[in-house]
Amino acid sequence: MSLRTSTENVDKEAHVGFVKDAIAEYDDEVKKGNAGVSVGVNETIYNTLFTPDFNLPPLTKALAEQIRTGRLRIYVYGRSRWKDEAHDLDWCRWAQPPISGQIDENELVWHVCEDWQ
């Protein structure tokens, strides 16, 4: 038996949500006939993604304060499906609140998300 902290539960719930959304999006793309991109061994592809425009400034003072105090987490999630592998690549990270109190890319410490299974 293992005990989970409330942050681990939130972390796992977020990861489960990312997985569900990614699988649903994949299924939608397959239905549309999109085969995706083929990538060979030792090949790399890059894609720049932009966050949706919610008619808000990029980061409000309230959001920055929530990130700084740990009430709001920044997550990065990626998923890849391989034709010749039994399992998909599932990559999830979250940023701990900055120790200095300043939200700066050099201050962020990233952690692996709680396993979703």
Protein backbone atom coordinates (compact mmCIF):
# COMPACT_ATOMS: atom_id res chain seq x y z
CA MET A 1 0.00 0.00 0.00
CA SER A 2 1.28 3.48 -0.79
CA LEU A 3 0.10 6.83 0.43
CA ARG A 4 -0.24 9.69 -2.04
CA THR A 5 0.03 13.35 -1.28
CA SER A 6 -2.62 15.68 -2.65
CA THR A 7 -0.12 17.04 -5.21
CA GLU A 8 0.58 13.51 -6.46
CA ASN A 9 -3.17 12.95 -6.92
CA VAL A 10 -3.49 16.22 -8.84
CA ASP A 11 -0.44 15.30 -10.89
CA LYS A 12 -1.83 11.88 -11.76
CA GLU A 13 -5.28 13.31 -12.62
CA ALA A 14 -3.68 15.87 -14.92
CA HIS A 15 -1.63 13.15 -16.62
CA VAL A 16 -4.74 10.97 -17.09
CA GLY A 17 -6.49 13.95 -18.71
CA PHE A 18 -3.56 14.54 -21.08
CA VAL A 19 -3.57 10.87 -22.11
CA LYS A 20 -7.34 10.83 -22.75
CA ASP A 21 -7.15 14.06 -24.79
CA ALA A 22 -4.16 12.81 -26.81
CA ILE A 23 -5.84 9.48 -27.63
CA ALA A 24 -9.08 11.23 -28.62
CA GLU A 25 -7.17 13.66 -30.84
CA TYR A 26 -5.23 10.77 -32.42
CA ASP A 27 -8.48 8.88 -33.11
CA ASP A 28 -10.00 12.03 -34.71
CA GLU A 29 -6.94 12.47 -36.95
CA VAL A 30 -7.08 8.83 -38.05
CA LYS A 31 -10.80 9.23 -38.90
CA LYS A 32 -9.87 12.27 -41.02
CA GLY A 33 -7.34 10.14 -42.92
CA ASN A 34 -4.25 11.84 -41.47
CA ALA A 35 -1.51 9.21 -41.34
CA GLY A 36 0.89 11.39 -39.37
CA VAL A 37 4.60 11.78 -40.00
CA SER A 38 6.97 8.86 -40.50
CA VAL A 39 10.19 9.21 -38.53
CA GLY A 40 13.09 6.81 -38.95
CA VAL A 41 15.52 5.57 -36.34
CA ASN A 42 17.87 8.38 -35.22
CA GLU A 43 15.75 10.99 -37.04
CA THR A 44 14.25 14.00 -35.31
CA ILE A 45 11.29 16.22 -36.14
CA TYR A 46 10.39 19.54 -34.58
CA ASN A 47 7.12 21.40 -34.39
CA THR A 48 6.32 24.70 -32.72
CA LEU A 49 2.99 24.79 -30.92
CA PHE A 50 1.21 27.86 -29.69
CA THR A 51 -1.18 28.07 -26.77
CA PRO A 52 -4.76 29.08 -27.62
CA ASP A 53 -5.68 32.75 -27.46
CA PHE A 54 -8.10 33.13 -24.55
CA ASN A 55 -8.27 36.91 -25.03
CA LEU A 56 -6.00 37.33 -22.02
CA PRO A 57 -2.50 38.71 -21.75
CA PRO A 58 0.13 35.96 -22.01
CA LEU A 59 0.41 35.76 -18.22
CA THR A 60 -1.67 37.81 -15.83
CA LYS A 61 -0.41 38.88 -12.41
CA ALA A 62 -2.93 36.51 -10.81
CA LEU A 63 -1.72 33.54 -12.87
CA ALA A 64 1.92 34.41 -12.17
CA GLU A 65 1.18 34.52 -8.44
CA GLN A 66 -0.54 31.13 -8.59
CA ILE A 67 2.47 29.62 -10.40
CA ARG A 68 4.91 31.28 -8.00
CA THR A 69 3.11 29.90 -4.94
CA GLY A 70 2.45 26.43 -6.36
CA ARG A 71 -1.34 26.76 -6.65
CA LEU A 72 -1.06 26.44 -10.45
CA ARG A 73 1.31 24.11 -12.30
CA ILE A 74 2.90 24.39 -15.70
CA TYR A 75 2.79 21.06 -17.57
CA VAL A 76 4.42 19.92 -20.81
CA TYR A 77 3.01 16.78 -22.42
CA GLY A 78 3.87 14.81 -25.54
CA ARG A 79 2.75 11.51 -26.99
CA SER A 80 3.96 9.50 -29.99
CA ARG A 81 2.61 6.33 -31.50
CA TRP A 82 5.09 3.89 -33.05
CA LYS A 83 4.04 1.37 -35.72
CA ASP A 84 6.47 -1.30 -34.56
CA GLU A 85 6.33 -0.90 -30.77
CA ALA A 86 3.92 -2.34 -28.25
CA HIS A 87 3.66 0.93 -26.30
CA ASP A 88 3.32 4.60 -27.16
CA LEU A 89 5.81 7.21 -25.98
CA ASP A 90 4.17 9.14 -23.13
CA TRP A 91 6.13 12.17 -21.92
CA CYS A 92 4.83 14.42 -19.12
CA ARG A 93 6.69 16.98 -17.00
CA TRP A 94 5.65 19.69 -14.53
CA ALA A 95 7.55 22.71 -13.24
CA GLN A 96 7.93 23.20 -9.50
CA PRO A 97 7.36 26.71 -8.16
CA PRO A 98 10.50 28.79 -8.69
CA ILE A 99 12.63 28.89 -5.55
CA SER A 100 13.61 32.52 -6.07
CA GLY A 101 9.99 33.57 -6.58
CA GLN A 102 10.81 34.77 -10.09
CA ILE A 103 9.20 33.03 -13.05
CA ASP A 104 12.16 32.65 -15.36
CA GLU A 105 13.07 29.76 -17.66
CA ASN A 106 16.42 29.43 -15.89
CA GLU A 107 14.67 29.09 -12.50
CA LEU A 108 12.27 26.29 -13.45
CA VAL A 109 12.95 22.78 -12.17
CA TRP A 110 11.06 20.10 -14.11
CA HIS A 111 9.73 16.84 -12.63
CA VAL A 112 8.36 13.67 -14.21
CA CYS A 113 4.57 13.43 -13.84
CA GLU A 114 3.02 10.72 -11.70
CA ASP A 115 2.38 7.57 -13.76
CA TRP A 116 -1.18 7.59 -15.09
CA GLN A 117 -1.76 3.84 -15.11
